[in-house]
Amino acid sequence: MAIVTEIRSWHRAPRDRGVSDVRARLARTLATALRRMAEARYAQQVDRLARSGHGGVL
């Protein structure tokens, strides 16, 4: 969903750059979204382990 929001924000931005800038922004947006998803998944796993009373090292 963050990707859609970011791409929609491009339409409000001034268009003074070329296609390569759009590709760079898309790549950056995808990388950010994937990183956030991975962080959320990791946090979920840590939370699940904490709730299960797991006392081991992660």
N, C-alpha and C. Protein backbone atom coordinates (compact mmCIF):
# COMPACT_ATOMS: atom_id res chain seq x y z
N MET A 1 0.83 -1.20 0.00
CA MET A 1 0.00 0.00 0.00
C MET A 1 0.87 1.26 0.00
N ALA A 2 2.00 1.17 0.66
CA ALA A 2 2.92 2.31 0.68
C ALA A 2 3.40 2.65 -0.72
N ILE A 3 3.53 1.63 -1.55
CA ILE A 3 4.00 1.84 -2.92
C ILE A 3 2.97 2.67 -3.69
N VAL A 4 1.70 2.30 -3.54
CA VAL A 4 0.62 3.02 -4.24
C VAL A 4 0.59 4.48 -3.78
N THR A 5 0.71 4.70 -2.48
CA THR A 5 0.70 6.07 -1.94
C THR A 5 1.85 6.88 -2.50
N GLU A 6 3.03 6.28 -2.56
CA GLU A 6 4.21 6.99 -3.08
C GLU A 6 4.02 7.35 -4.55
N ILE A 7 3.54 6.40 -5.35
CA ILE A 7 3.36 6.66 -6.78
C ILE A 7 2.31 7.74 -7.00
N ARG A 8 1.25 7.72 -6.21
CA ARG A 8 0.22 8.77 -6.33
C ARG A 8 0.80 10.13 -5.99
N SER A 9 1.73 10.18 -5.06
CA SER A 9 2.33 11.47 -4.68
C SER A 9 3.16 12.05 -5.82
N TRP A 10 3.62 11.21 -6.73
CA TRP A 10 4.41 11.69 -7.87
C TRP A 10 3.58 12.61 -8.75
N HIS A 11 2.28 12.34 -8.85
CA HIS A 11 1.42 13.14 -9.73
C HIS A 11 1.28 14.57 -9.23
N ARG A 12 1.46 14.74 -7.93
CA ARG A 12 1.38 16.09 -7.35
C ARG A 12 2.72 16.80 -7.43
N ALA A 13 3.79 16.05 -7.67
CA ALA A 13 5.14 16.64 -7.72
C ALA A 13 5.34 17.32 -9.08
N PRO A 14 6.15 18.37 -9.11
CA PRO A 14 6.44 19.02 -10.40
C PRO A 14 7.21 18.09 -11.33
N ARG A 15 6.88 18.13 -12.60
CA ARG A 15 7.52 17.23 -13.56
C ARG A 15 8.62 17.97 -14.31
N ASP A 16 9.78 17.99 -13.73
CA ASP A 16 10.89 18.67 -14.38
C ASP A 16 12.03 17.71 -14.69
N ARG A 17 11.79 16.43 -14.49
CA ARG A 17 12.85 15.45 -14.74
C ARG A 17 12.36 14.39 -15.72
N GLY A 18 13.30 13.59 -16.19
CA GLY A 18 12.99 12.60 -17.21
C GLY A 18 12.60 11.24 -16.67
N VAL A 19 12.58 10.28 -17.58
CA VAL A 19 12.16 8.92 -17.26
C VAL A 19 13.12 8.25 -16.29
N SER A 20 14.41 8.52 -16.42
CA SER A 20 15.39 7.88 -15.55
C SER A 20 15.12 8.22 -14.08
N ASP A 21 14.66 9.45 -13.82
CA ASP A 21 14.34 9.84 -12.45
C ASP A 21 13.16 9.03 -11.93
N VAL A 22 12.18 8.80 -12.80
CA VAL A 22 11.01 8.00 -12.41
C VAL A 22 11.45 6.58 -12.06
N ARG A 23 12.33 6.03 -12.87
CA ARG A 23 12.84 4.68 -12.59
C ARG A 23 13.59 4.63 -11.27
N ALA A 24 14.40 5.65 -11.02
CA ALA A 24 15.16 5.71 -9.77
C ALA A 24 14.22 5.80 -8.58
N ARG A 25 13.19 6.64 -8.71
CA ARG A 25 12.22 6.79 -7.62
C ARG A 25 11.46 5.49 -7.39
N LEU A 26 11.09 4.82 -8.47
CA LEU A 26 10.37 3.56 -8.34
C LEU A 26 11.24 2.52 -7.64
N ALA A 27 12.50 2.43 -8.06
CA ALA A 27 13.42 1.48 -7.43
C ALA A 27 13.58 1.78 -5.94
N ARG A 28 13.72 3.06 -5.62
CA ARG A 28 13.88 3.46 -4.22
C ARG A 28 12.61 3.14 -3.42
N THR A 29 11.46 3.40 -4.02
CA THR A 29 10.18 3.12 -3.36
C THR A 29 10.02 1.64 -3.09
N LEU A 30 10.33 0.82 -4.10
CA LEU A 30 10.21 -0.63 -3.93
C LEU A 30 11.16 -1.13 -2.85
N ALA A 31 12.39 -0.63 -2.85
CA ALA A 31 13.37 -1.05 -1.85
C ALA A 31 12.90 -0.68 -0.45
N THR A 32 12.35 0.53 -0.31
CA THR A 32 11.85 0.97 0.99
C THR A 32 10.68 0.11 1.45
N ALA A 33 9.76 -0.16 0.53
CA ALA A 33 8.58 -0.96 0.88
C ALA A 33 8.99 -2.38 1.28
N LEU A 34 9.91 -2.97 0.54
CA LEU A 34 10.37 -4.32 0.86
C LEU A 34 11.07 -4.35 2.22
N ARG A 35 11.88 -3.32 2.50
CA ARG A 35 12.57 -3.26 3.78
C ARG A 35 11.56 -3.14 4.92
N ARG A 36 10.54 -2.30 4.74
CA ARG A 36 9.53 -2.13 5.78
C ARG A 36 8.76 -3.43 6.01
N MET A 37 8.45 -4.14 4.93
CA MET A 37 7.75 -5.41 5.06
C MET A 37 8.60 -6.42 5.83
N ALA A 38 9.90 -6.47 5.50
CA ALA A 38 10.81 -7.39 6.17
C ALA A 38 10.93 -7.04 7.66
N GLU A 39 11.02 -5.75 7.96
CA GLU A 39 11.12 -5.32 9.36
C GLU A 39 9.85 -5.68 10.12
N ALA A 40 8.70 -5.49 9.49
CA ALA A 40 7.43 -5.82 10.15
C ALA A 40 7.33 -7.32 10.40
N ARG A 41 7.77 -8.12 9.43
CA ARG A 41 7.73 -9.57 9.58
C ARG A 41 8.65 -10.01 10.72
N TYR A 42 9.84 -9.41 10.78
CA TYR A 42 10.79 -9.75 11.84
C TYR A 42 10.21 -9.37 13.21
N ALA A 43 9.62 -8.19 13.30
CA ALA A 43 9.02 -7.74 14.56
C ALA A 43 7.90 -8.68 14.98
N GLN A 44 7.14 -9.17 14.01
CA GLN A 44 6.05 -10.10 14.30
C GLN A 44 6.61 -11.40 14.87
N GLN A 45 7.69 -11.89 14.28
CA GLN A 45 8.30 -13.14 14.76
C GLN A 45 8.85 -12.96 16.17
N VAL A 46 9.50 -11.83 16.43
CA VAL A 46 10.04 -11.56 17.76
C VAL A 46 8.90 -11.49 18.77
N ASP A 47 7.82 -10.82 18.39
CA ASP A 47 6.66 -10.70 19.27
C ASP A 47 6.06 -12.07 19.56
N ARG A 48 5.97 -12.90 18.53
CA ARG A 48 5.41 -14.24 18.70
C ARG A 48 6.27 -15.06 19.66
N LEU A 49 7.60 -14.97 19.50
CA LEU A 49 8.50 -15.69 20.40
C LEU A 49 8.36 -15.18 21.83
N ALA A 50 8.24 -13.87 21.98
CA ALA A 50 8.11 -13.28 23.32
C ALA A 50 6.81 -13.74 23.98
N ARG A 51 5.74 -13.81 23.21
CA ARG A 51 4.45 -14.23 23.76
C ARG A 51 4.45 -15.71 24.13
N SER A 52 5.24 -16.50 23.42
CA SER A 52 5.26 -17.94 23.70
C SER A 52 6.14 -18.26 24.90
N GLY A 53 6.79 -17.25 25.46
CA GLY A 53 7.63 -17.48 26.63
C GLY A 53 8.97 -18.08 26.28
N HIS A 54 9.38 -17.94 25.04
CA HIS A 54 10.65 -18.50 24.59
C HIS A 54 11.78 -17.67 25.19
N GLY A 55 12.63 -18.33 25.96
CA GLY A 55 13.70 -17.60 26.64
C GLY A 55 15.03 -17.67 25.93
N GLY A 56 15.06 -18.31 24.77
CA GLY A 56 16.32 -18.49 24.05
C GLY A 56 16.77 -17.25 23.32
N VAL A 57 17.95 -17.36 22.75
CA VAL A 57 18.51 -16.26 21.96
C VAL A 57 17.88 -16.28 20.58
N LEU A 58 17.55 -15.12 20.07
CA LEU A 58 16.94 -15.04 18.73
C LEU A 58 17.98 -15.25 17.66
